[in-house]
Protein backbone atom coordinates (compact mmCIF):
# COMPACT_ATOMS: atom_id res chain seq x y z
CA UNK A 1 11.48 6.75 -39.02
CA UNK A 2 12.68 8.85 -35.96
CA UNK A 3 10.79 11.75 -34.88
CA UNK A 4 11.78 14.20 -32.22
CA UNK A 5 9.04 16.16 -30.36
CA UNK A 6 9.47 18.86 -27.63
CA UNK A 7 6.90 18.53 -24.82
CA UNK A 8 6.45 21.13 -21.95
CA UNK A 9 7.47 19.71 -18.66
CA UNK A 10 3.81 19.08 -17.31
CA UNK A 11 2.94 17.18 -20.42
CA UNK A 12 6.28 15.27 -20.40
CA UNK A 13 5.53 14.16 -16.78
CA UNK A 14 2.23 13.02 -17.52
CA UNK A 15 3.61 10.71 -20.51
CA UNK A 16 6.25 9.39 -18.26
CA UNK A 17 3.80 8.59 -15.37
CA UNK A 18 1.38 6.91 -17.78
CA UNK A 19 4.01 4.92 -19.49
CA UNK A 20 5.24 3.60 -16.04
CA UNK A 21 1.58 2.86 -15.07
CA UNK A 22 0.88 0.85 -18.08
CA UNK A 23 4.56 -0.74 -18.04
CA UNK A 24 5.39 0.33 -21.50
CA UNK A 25 8.00 2.77 -23.03
CA UNK A 26 7.16 6.45 -23.45
CA UNK A 27 7.88 5.88 -27.11
CA UNK A 28 5.19 3.03 -27.23
CA UNK A 29 2.84 5.29 -25.49
CA UNK A 30 3.22 8.20 -27.72
CA UNK A 31 2.91 5.93 -31.04
CA UNK A 32 -0.25 4.31 -29.43
CA UNK A 33 -1.70 7.90 -28.87
CA UNK A 34 -0.87 8.95 -32.44
CA UNK A 35 -2.34 5.77 -33.80
CA UNK A 36 -5.48 6.32 -32.00
CA UNK A 37 -5.72 9.98 -32.95
CA UNK A 38 -5.04 9.31 -36.63
CA UNK A 39 -7.61 6.52 -36.74
CA UNK A 40 -4.95 3.76 -37.00
CA UNK A 41 -6.19 1.58 -34.19
CA UNK A 42 -9.53 -0.25 -34.77
CA UNK A 43 -11.31 -1.09 -31.40
CA UNK A 44 -12.32 -4.52 -32.53
CA UNK A 45 -8.54 -5.56 -33.07
CA UNK A 46 -7.76 -4.19 -29.62
CA UNK A 47 -10.42 -6.18 -28.09
CA UNK A 48 -9.15 -9.36 -29.94
CA UNK A 49 -5.57 -8.65 -28.72
CA UNK A 50 -6.64 -8.39 -25.12
CA UNK A 51 -8.87 -11.43 -25.46
CA UNK A 52 -6.15 -13.44 -27.04
CA UNK A 53 -4.50 -14.14 -23.69
CA UNK A 54 -1.27 -12.94 -24.88
CA UNK A 55 0.67 -10.86 -22.14
CA UNK A 56 0.44 -7.10 -22.69
CA UNK A 57 2.79 -4.68 -20.96
CA UNK A 58 4.74 -5.97 -18.08
CA UNK A 59 3.00 -9.27 -16.91
CA UNK A 60 5.26 -9.34 -13.86
CA UNK A 61 4.13 -5.72 -12.79
CA UNK A 62 1.39 -7.29 -10.41
CA UNK A 63 3.73 -9.80 -8.74
CA UNK A 64 4.64 -9.28 -4.96
CA UNK A 65 2.29 -6.46 -4.77
CA UNK A 66 0.92 -7.72 -1.40
CA UNK A 67 4.37 -7.57 0.45
CA UNK A 68 4.60 -3.81 -0.44
CA UNK A 69 1.23 -3.04 0.52
CA UNK A 70 1.44 -4.73 3.84
CA UNK A 71 4.65 -2.83 4.75
CA UNK A 72 2.91 0.51 3.86
CA UNK A 73 -0.04 -0.15 5.85
CA UNK A 74 2.11 -1.34 8.89
CA UNK A 75 4.08 1.92 8.68
CA UNK A 76 0.96 4.01 8.37
CA UNK A 77 -0.60 2.34 11.47
CA UNK A 78 2.45 2.46 13.61
CA UNK A 79 2.74 6.28 13.08
C-alpha cells in the first residue's frame, strides 16, 4: 500500500540525513520508525538479525574511509 505524508522542511531534512547515515532509503527509515512506534518490532528479533552476520544497510559504506579522512586532515593541516 502506498502512503503519502507531508513533512515540514526541518523534519524532512532530518529524515534524509538519518537515512543517508544508515545507508537505507527514506521509505525504509519511515517504515522502521512506524513499526517501532506501533509495536511491530520486537527487540529480540532485531538483536537476532544483528547477530546473524547478514549485511545490514550498505556494507560497502565503510570502505575506503581512510583515504578521505587523510585528505581532509592534510587540507586542514595545510591551511
